[in-house]
Structure formats: C-alpha cells, structure tokens
Amino acid sequence: MGIDSERFWVIDVEGSGSSPPEIVELAMLQIDRLVLTENKRHWFVRPENGIKPAATRIHGLTDDDVVGSPDIADIADDIITWIEDTPIVGHNVKIEVDILSRSLPDWKPSSAIDTLKLAKILKPGLASYGLANLGIEIGLADEAANRTGAKHHSALYDATLTALLMIHLLSPLPVDEQRRALMEANILDPRQGSLL
C-alpha cells in the first residue's frame, strides 16, 4: 500500500446505543497524499430503533435531532460510491468496519488503518491512546475544534481529529517507513491475524 498516490477516507460514526448499534451520525473526510482535502461528507441518520439515553449522554444526539434525517438505506449508495476500493481510516477502526459492514452488506473494505495502532507504533509509551487524549497530548484538539465547530463525540470532530492525527504521525517519516507503519496498522492485513 503506497501512500504517495493513495487516497484515504477517514471515517467516524456515532451509534444509537442499541445492540447491535445503528448509525446516527457519519462523517467521512478525504486525505490525499497526507493532505486533508476539502472533500468531506457528513450525515445525521435516523435509526430504525431510536437513540438510547446512554448514547445521548455520550454524543448528545436525541431522536428529535435526527427525525428528519435519512435512514441508512437512503444514503448507502452514496457512502459506497465514496469508500469503495479506498482504504478507510479510523481511531479504533474496527468499530467503523463492524457497523458499516452490518449497515452496508455490499461493502467490502480493501483496508482499514487504525490510528490507535498507528499511534502505539509511532509514539510508544504514552499514558493514553484515546482519541481525545492524543488530540490534547499532540496539540491537535484545538485545530479539530476550529475546523468543525464541534467537540469530541461529534462524528465530524472525531473524523477531523483522526485525520490530523494520521497526518501528524506519518508526515515526518520517509515513504518506506510510512508504508511499513500503514501495513502494521491495517487491521484487515492477513498478517495481523483475525480481528473481525
């Protein structure tokens, strides 16, 4: 996987709190050659079974916030059009892979780069690798907030912070080390064992 000519879609979802969770917010931002582009998609999504109070306490979204929003079937073709055959990126990306695979049964991700794993590889020894903590530790949280006008647990903010984190971690590295780190952080690489 060479990043000098590859694009990535950084994805974050917020869930309904049901089991299994349904998507209530989805943000996708494009990185091209380690530059965050203006190409982004953001949806609020009406879940079939409503948003549970425990989930509302995390992300702040209620059923009233998504009442006029499309359901996942309404936007599925759009999502697949953008991410098909393109590596996706997320912080603890297994969550995004799981929920998107369930919501979009025709989608099969080509690779899924986990910035949590990437941070552990490239910044060993930190006290915490949670997205919010990394954003503060590395100094990217304010930039993500300024770009989005949002805060942690907004899909748009979290996707933006994840994109900035990936760029920050990889940019100083020579291309061959970038490729190695990306392969190690790809949870769908058969050498990583079964994570799904």
C-alpha atoms as a PDB file:
ATOM      1  CA  MET A   1       0.000   0.000   0.000  1.00  0.00           C
ATOM      2  CA  GLY A   2       1.819   3.102  -1.200  1.00  0.00           C
ATOM      3  CA  ILE A   3       0.542   6.365   0.227  1.00  0.00           C
ATOM      4  CA  ASP A   4       2.298   8.646  -2.256  1.00  0.00           C
ATOM      5  CA  SER A   5      -0.529   8.098  -4.743  1.00  0.00           C
ATOM      6  CA  GLU A   6      -3.286   6.829  -2.450  1.00  0.00           C
ATOM      7  CA  ARG A   7      -6.313   8.487  -1.041  1.00  0.00           C
ATOM      8  CA  PHE A   8      -7.870   7.538   2.252  1.00  0.00           C
ATOM      9  CA  TRP A   9     -11.323   8.139   3.679  1.00  0.00           C
ATOM     10  CA  VAL A  10     -11.211   8.899   7.386  1.00  0.00           C
ATOM     11  CA  ILE A  11     -14.481   7.769   8.914  1.00  0.00           C
ATOM     12  CA  ASP A  12     -16.172   8.192  12.250  1.00  0.00           C
ATOM     13  CA  VAL A  13     -19.614   7.009  13.286  1.00  0.00           C
ATOM     14  CA  GLU A  14     -21.732   7.725  16.313  1.00  0.00           C
ATOM     15  CA  GLY A  15     -24.156   4.992  17.317  1.00  0.00           C
ATOM     16  CA  SER A  16     -27.666   4.642  18.666  1.00  0.00           C
ATOM     17  CA  GLY A  17     -26.725   2.662  21.772  1.00  0.00           C
ATOM     18  CA  SER A  18     -28.805  -0.331  20.677  1.00  0.00           C
ATOM     19  CA  SER A  19     -27.296  -3.766  20.295  1.00  0.00           C
ATOM     20  CA  PRO A  20     -26.063  -4.024  17.630  1.00  0.00           C
ATOM     21  CA  PRO A  21     -25.703  -0.252  17.251  1.00  0.00           C
ATOM     22  CA  GLU A  22     -27.193   1.674  14.370  1.00  0.00           C
ATOM     23  CA  ILE A  23     -25.513   4.716  12.827  1.00  0.00           C
ATOM     24  CA  VAL A  24     -26.918   8.080  13.946  1.00  0.00           C
ATOM     25  CA  GLU A  25     -24.093  10.264  12.622  1.00  0.00           C
ATOM     26  CA  LEU A  26     -21.458   9.557   9.983  1.00  0.00           C
ATOM     27  CA  ALA A  27     -18.558  11.734   8.875  1.00  0.00           C
ATOM     28  CA  MET A  28     -16.075  10.971   6.091  1.00  0.00           C
ATOM     29  CA  LEU A  29     -13.062  13.132   5.219  1.00  0.00           C
ATOM     30  CA  GLN A  30     -10.589  12.537   2.435  1.00  0.00           C
ATOM     31  CA  ILE A  31      -6.816  12.536   2.822  1.00  0.00           C
ATOM     32  CA  ASP A  32      -4.799  12.708  -0.386  1.00  0.00           C
ATOM     33  CA  ARG A  33      -1.011  12.313  -0.154  1.00  0.00           C
ATOM     34  CA  LEU A  34      -1.136  13.163   3.558  1.00  0.00           C
ATOM     35  CA  VAL A  35      -3.112  16.354   2.991  1.00  0.00           C
ATOM     36  CA  LEU A  36      -6.600  16.756   4.416  1.00  0.00           C
ATOM     37  CA  THR A  37      -8.706  17.828   1.444  1.00  0.00           C
ATOM     38  CA  GLU A  38     -11.949  19.793   1.476  1.00  0.00           C
ATOM     39  CA  ASN A  39     -13.709  16.662   0.186  1.00  0.00           C
ATOM     40  CA  LYS A  40     -15.936  15.530   3.045  1.00  0.00           C
ATOM     41  CA  ARG A  41     -19.333  14.005   3.674  1.00  0.00           C
ATOM     42  CA  HIS A  42     -21.417  14.319   6.833  1.00  0.00           C
ATOM     43  CA  TRP A  43     -24.837  12.914   7.621  1.00  0.00           C
ATOM     44  CA  PHE A  44     -27.150  12.612  10.558  1.00  0.00           C
ATOM     45  CA  VAL A  45     -29.001   9.311  10.207  1.00  0.00           C
ATOM     46  CA  ARG A  46     -32.391   8.257  11.568  1.00  0.00           C
ATOM     47  CA  PRO A  47     -32.014   4.842  13.229  1.00  0.00           C
ATOM     48  CA  GLU A  48     -34.767   2.277  12.995  1.00  0.00           C
ATOM     49  CA  ASN A  49     -34.953   1.722  16.744  1.00  0.00           C
ATOM     50  CA  GLY A  50     -34.265   5.180  18.163  1.00  0.00           C
ATOM     51  CA  ILE A  51     -31.363   6.561  20.181  1.00  0.00           C
ATOM     52  CA  LYS A  52     -30.875   5.182  23.679  1.00  0.00           C
ATOM     53  CA  PRO A  53     -30.370   7.635  26.589  1.00  0.00           C
ATOM     54  CA  ALA A  54     -26.922   6.171  27.342  1.00  0.00           C
ATOM     55  CA  ALA A  55     -25.784   7.037  23.800  1.00  0.00           C
ATOM     56  CA  THR A  56     -27.277  10.530  24.078  1.00  0.00           C
ATOM     57  CA  ARG A  57     -25.168  11.095  27.199  1.00  0.00           C
ATOM     58  CA  ILE A  58     -22.054  10.382  25.103  1.00  0.00           C
ATOM     59  CA  HIS A  59     -22.692  12.241  21.840  1.00  0.00           C
ATOM     60  CA  GLY A  60     -25.607  14.480  22.758  1.00  0.00           C
ATOM     61  CA  LEU A  61     -27.862  13.378  19.881  1.00  0.00           C
ATOM     62  CA  THR A  62     -31.533  12.606  20.507  1.00  0.00           C
ATOM     63  CA  ASP A  63     -34.310  11.204  18.331  1.00  0.00           C
ATOM     64  CA  ASP A  64     -35.524  14.788  17.791  1.00  0.00           C
ATOM     65  CA  ASP A  65     -32.121  15.702  16.285  1.00  0.00           C
ATOM     66  CA  VAL A  66     -32.422  13.034  13.581  1.00  0.00           C
ATOM     67  CA  VAL A  67     -36.186  12.926  12.994  1.00  0.00           C
ATOM     68  CA  GLY A  68     -35.957  14.481   9.503  1.00  0.00           C
ATOM     69  CA  SER A  69     -32.726  12.745   8.572  1.00  0.00           C
ATOM     70  CA  PRO A  70     -32.370   9.959   6.027  1.00  0.00           C
ATOM     71  CA  ASP A  71     -32.163   6.369   7.170  1.00  0.00           C
ATOM     72  CA  ILE A  72     -29.050   4.401   6.277  1.00  0.00           C
ATOM     73  CA  ALA A  73     -30.695   2.814   3.206  1.00  0.00           C
ATOM     74  CA  ASP A  74     -31.255   6.308   1.767  1.00  0.00           C
ATOM     75  CA  ILE A  75     -27.539   7.137   1.797  1.00  0.00           C
ATOM     76  CA  ALA A  76     -25.982   3.678   1.408  1.00  0.00           C
ATOM     77  CA  ASP A  77     -25.236   4.057  -2.314  1.00  0.00           C
ATOM     78  CA  ASP A  78     -23.563   7.432  -1.718  1.00  0.00           C
ATOM     79  CA  ILE A  79     -21.374   6.027   1.048  1.00  0.00           C
ATOM     80  CA  ILE A  80     -20.322   3.007  -1.009  1.00  0.00           C
ATOM     81  CA  THR A  81     -19.568   5.200  -4.038  1.00  0.00           C
ATOM     82  CA  TRP A  82     -17.076   7.209  -1.994  1.00  0.00           C
ATOM     83  CA  ILE A  83     -15.370   4.479   0.027  1.00  0.00           C
ATOM     84  CA  GLU A  84     -15.460   1.530  -2.378  1.00  0.00           C
ATOM     85  CA  ASP A  85     -11.922   0.324  -3.169  1.00  0.00           C
ATOM     86  CA  THR A  86     -10.410   3.068  -0.991  1.00  0.00           C
ATOM     87  CA  PRO A  87      -8.644   2.422   2.314  1.00  0.00           C
ATOM     88  CA  ILE A  88     -10.568   3.706   5.299  1.00  0.00           C
ATOM     89  CA  VAL A  89      -9.027   5.163   8.435  1.00  0.00           C
ATOM     90  CA  GLY A  90     -10.460   5.406  11.929  1.00  0.00           C
ATOM     91  CA  HIS A  91      -9.424   5.559  15.548  1.00  0.00           C
ATOM     92  CA  ASN A  92     -10.158   2.049  16.781  1.00  0.00           C
ATOM     93  CA  VAL A  93     -11.384   1.489  13.222  1.00  0.00           C
ATOM     94  CA  LYS A  94     -12.792  -1.954  13.996  1.00  0.00           C
ATOM     95  CA  ILE A  95     -15.911  -0.179  15.283  1.00  0.00           C
ATOM     96  CA  GLU A  96     -16.408   1.623  11.958  1.00  0.00           C
ATOM     97  CA  VAL A  97     -15.701  -1.553   9.968  1.00  0.00           C
ATOM     98  CA  ASP A  98     -18.199  -3.552  12.046  1.00  0.00           C
ATOM     99  CA  ILE A  99     -21.054  -1.033  11.929  1.00  0.00           C
ATOM    100  CA  LEU A 100     -20.531  -0.150   8.247  1.00  0.00           C
ATOM    101  CA  SER A 101     -20.282  -3.819   7.235  1.00  0.00           C
ATOM    102  CA  ARG A 102     -23.573  -4.506   9.015  1.00  0.00           C
ATOM    103  CA  SER A 103     -25.248  -1.395   7.570  1.00  0.00           C
ATOM    104  CA  LEU A 104     -23.808  -1.787   4.040  1.00  0.00           C
ATOM    105  CA  PRO A 105     -23.764  -5.539   3.330  1.00  0.00           C
ATOM    106  CA  ASP A 106     -22.478  -4.986  -0.242  1.00  0.00           C
ATOM    107  CA  TRP A 107     -19.383  -3.102   1.001  1.00  0.00           C
ATOM    108  CA  LYS A 108     -16.123  -4.982   1.498  1.00  0.00           C
ATOM    109  CA  PRO A 109     -13.296  -2.755   2.759  1.00  0.00           C
ATOM    110  CA  SER A 110      -9.951  -3.056   0.975  1.00  0.00           C
ATOM    111  CA  SER A 111      -8.012  -1.988   4.066  1.00  0.00           C
ATOM    112  CA  ALA A 112      -8.722  -0.325   7.380  1.00  0.00           C
ATOM    113  CA  ILE A 113      -5.996   1.743   9.005  1.00  0.00           C
ATOM    114  CA  ASP A 114      -6.304   2.080  12.770  1.00  0.00           C
ATOM    115  CA  THR A 115      -4.804   5.324  14.093  1.00  0.00           C
ATOM    116  CA  LEU A 116      -4.918   3.837  17.592  1.00  0.00           C
ATOM    117  CA  LYS A 117      -2.473   1.138  16.437  1.00  0.00           C
ATOM    118  CA  LEU A 118      -0.522   3.694  14.402  1.00  0.00           C
ATOM    119  CA  ALA A 119      -0.077   5.921  17.460  1.00  0.00           C
ATOM    120  CA  LYS A 120       1.062   2.970  19.592  1.00  0.00           C
ATOM    121  CA  ILE A 121       3.619   2.031  16.906  1.00  0.00           C
ATOM    122  CA  LEU A 122       4.950   5.538  16.309  1.00  0.00           C
ATOM    123  CA  LYS A 123       4.500   7.117  19.767  1.00  0.00           C
ATOM    124  CA  PRO A 124       5.191   4.296  22.246  1.00  0.00           C
ATOM    125  CA  GLY A 125       4.969   4.903  25.959  1.00  0.00           C
ATOM    126  CA  LEU A 126       2.145   7.451  26.127  1.00  0.00           C
ATOM    127  CA  ALA A 127      -0.158   7.263  29.135  1.00  0.00           C
ATOM    128  CA  SER A 128      -3.287   7.035  26.971  1.00  0.00           C
ATOM    129  CA  TYR A 129      -4.074   6.390  23.320  1.00  0.00           C
ATOM    130  CA  GLY A 130      -7.701   7.503  23.440  1.00  0.00           C
ATOM    131  CA  LEU A 131      -8.504   9.934  20.633  1.00  0.00           C
ATOM    132  CA  ALA A 132      -9.325  12.883  22.898  1.00  0.00           C
ATOM    133  CA  ASN A 133      -6.169  12.343  24.961  1.00  0.00           C
ATOM    134  CA  LEU A 134      -3.969  12.066  21.864  1.00  0.00           C
ATOM    135  CA  GLY A 135      -5.532  15.236  20.474  1.00  0.00           C
ATOM    136  CA  ILE A 136      -4.573  17.125  23.614  1.00  0.00           C
ATOM    137  CA  GLU A 137      -1.153  15.438  24.051  1.00  0.00           C
ATOM    138  CA  ILE A 138      -0.072  16.116  20.462  1.00  0.00           C
ATOM    139  CA  GLY A 139      -1.774  19.517  20.268  1.00  0.00           C
ATOM    140  CA  LEU A 140      -4.353  18.812  17.555  1.00  0.00           C
ATOM    141  CA  ALA A 141      -7.600  19.126  19.546  1.00  0.00           C
ATOM    142  CA  ASP A 142      -7.980  22.886  19.086  1.00  0.00           C
ATOM    143  CA  GLU A 143      -7.374  22.648  15.339  1.00  0.00           C
ATOM    144  CA  ALA A 144     -10.055  19.947  15.029  1.00  0.00           C
ATOM    145  CA  ALA A 145     -12.486  22.079  17.059  1.00  0.00           C
ATOM    146  CA  ASN A 146     -11.719  25.185  14.967  1.00  0.00           C
ATOM    147  CA  ARG A 147     -12.196  23.295  11.689  1.00  0.00           C
ATOM    148  CA  THR A 148     -15.516  21.755  12.734  1.00  0.00           C
ATOM    149  CA  GLY A 149     -17.068  23.962  15.394  1.00  0.00           C
ATOM    150  CA  ALA A 150     -17.760  20.723  17.244  1.00  0.00           C
ATOM    151  CA  LYS A 151     -16.338  18.678  20.109  1.00  0.00           C
ATOM    152  CA  HIS A 152     -15.319  15.115  20.974  1.00  0.00           C
ATOM    153  CA  HIS A 153     -18.002  12.531  20.157  1.00  0.00           C
ATOM    154  CA  SER A 154     -19.268  14.511  17.209  1.00  0.00           C
ATOM    155  CA  ALA A 155     -18.522  12.326  14.180  1.00  0.00           C
ATOM    156  CA  LEU A 156     -17.246  15.331  12.228  1.00  0.00           C
ATOM    157  CA  TYR A 157     -14.887  16.415  15.027  1.00  0.00           C
ATOM    158  CA  ASP A 158     -13.624  12.882  15.692  1.00  0.00           C
ATOM    159  CA  ALA A 159     -13.031  12.188  11.977  1.00  0.00           C
ATOM    160  CA  THR A 160     -11.190  15.507  11.645  1.00  0.00           C
ATOM    161  CA  LEU A 161      -9.036  14.815  14.703  1.00  0.00           C
ATOM    162  CA  THR A 162      -8.311  11.292  13.408  1.00  0.00           C
ATOM    163  CA  ALA A 163      -7.255  12.700  10.018  1.00  0.00           C
ATOM    164  CA  LEU A 164      -4.996  15.300  11.639  1.00  0.00           C
ATOM    165  CA  LEU A 165      -3.513  12.589  13.864  1.00  0.00           C
ATOM    166  CA  MET A 166      -2.721  10.329  10.910  1.00  0.00           C
ATOM    167  CA  ILE A 167      -1.079  13.189   9.014  1.00  0.00           C
ATOM    168  CA  HIS A 168       0.899  14.236  12.104  1.00  0.00           C
ATOM    169  CA  LEU A 169       2.149  10.700  12.746  1.00  0.00           C
ATOM    170  CA  LEU A 170       3.139   9.853   9.161  1.00  0.00           C
ATOM    171  CA  SER A 171       4.366  13.140   7.684  1.00  0.00           C
ATOM    172  CA  PRO A 172       7.817  13.165   9.325  1.00  0.00           C
ATOM    173  CA  LEU A 173       8.596   9.613   8.152  1.00  0.00           C
ATOM    174  CA  PRO A 174      10.323   8.575   4.923  1.00  0.00           C
ATOM    175  CA  VAL A 175       7.920   6.903   2.464  1.00  0.00           C
ATOM    176  CA  ASP A 176       9.196   3.362   3.145  1.00  0.00           C
ATOM    177  CA  GLU A 177       8.600   3.806   6.891  1.00  0.00           C
ATOM    178  CA  GLN A 178       5.151   5.272   6.194  1.00  0.00           C
ATOM    179  CA  ARG A 179       4.267   2.156   4.177  1.00  0.00           C
ATOM    180  CA  ARG A 180       5.553  -0.156   6.911  1.00  0.00           C
ATOM    181  CA  ALA A 181       3.583   1.690   9.596  1.00  0.00           C
ATOM    182  CA  LEU A 182       0.413   1.636   7.464  1.00  0.00           C
ATOM    183  CA  MET A 183       0.731  -2.115   6.875  1.00  0.00           C
ATOM    184  CA  GLU A 184       1.186  -2.679  10.612  1.00  0.00           C
ATOM    185  CA  ALA A 185      -1.854  -0.520  11.397  1.00  0.00           C
ATOM    186  CA  ASN A 186      -4.099  -2.163   8.762  1.00  0.00           C
ATOM    187  CA  ILE A 187      -6.454  -4.374  10.755  1.00  0.00           C
ATOM    188  CA  LEU A 188      -7.505  -6.192   7.561  1.00  0.00           C
ATOM    189  CA  ASP A 189      -3.960  -7.219   6.642  1.00  0.00           C
ATOM    190  CA  PRO A 190      -3.885 -11.044   6.905  1.00  0.00           C
ATOM    191  CA  ARG A 191      -0.555 -10.780   8.750  1.00  0.00           C
ATOM    192  CA  GLN A 192      -2.389  -9.040  11.625  1.00  0.00           C
ATOM    193  CA  GLY A 193      -4.479 -12.126  12.404  1.00  0.00           C
ATOM    194  CA  SER A 194      -8.237 -12.097  12.583  1.00  0.00           C
ATOM    195  CA  LEU A 195      -9.532  -9.014  14.323  1.00  0.00           C
ATOM    196  CA  LEU A 196     -13.030  -9.147  12.864  1.00  0.00           C
END
